[in-house]
Amino acid sequence: MDFDFEQHDLIRVILSILCGSLIGFEREYKNKSAGFRTLILICMGSTIFTIVSQRASGESDDRIAANIITGIGFIGAGVIFKDGLNVKGLTTAAVIWVVAALGMVIALFHYSLSIILTFIVLLILSVFNKVESFIDYINHQKTFNVTFKNDDLGNLLQLEQEAEKRGLKSRRIRLSKSLCKLNAVFEISGRKKELASFNTYLVELPSTEEVLAN
């Protein structure tokens, strides 16, 4: 392998630091687990490994670059976690994956493309976030885990009827009984304002003993 220093190597590394820092700043600003330094190192590392694969001879030429994807998969899996009935960190994992791809694009001398892609990623993370929030507002979804004080199924039917009156859609996920108490897990979807009001209704209902919402 020839690892003599070349000027374009330095340009590629610097550009990878710049692209990684732009995306990393946005993630750090939103207090995400993969922030400023992490994304810079991922982008730069991906560029370096791709440069190494270009300098390598024989069968390892493509193998090093291909294994970047596998390695990034392990890092991405580390930021995904389950919070109750929800899964969080998927967007952060996807950002890590895209930043690694950006590093490879830079190492392949596609400078203009890498800069354009960086701003597209920033656009998706910032502007599209507002679109997502609007969609979430008009069609929000929550999972309720409700424990009733007794095992009367009529209490659950009352909740479902109340949800329907408020223009909300309900779907049962699980229904069980233990120690003469009914436990129901159901999904409610609709306008965010109505869901918040329904949540308050559940908490204040005399027949409910415990209400958990995700």
Foldseek 3Di string as FASTA:
>chain_A
DDPDDDPLLVVLLVLLLVLQQLVQCLCVVVVAPCHRVNSSCLLNVLLVQLLVLCVDDDPSNVVSNVCNLVVLQVVQVVRWDDDPPDIDSNVVSVSSNVSSVLSNCSSVVVSVVSVVVSVVNVCCSPVVVVVVVVVCQFKPKKKKKWKFPAQDCVVVVVLCVVLVVLVKDKDWDDWDDDPRIIITIMMIIGHPVSVVVSQVVRVPDPGTDDMDMD
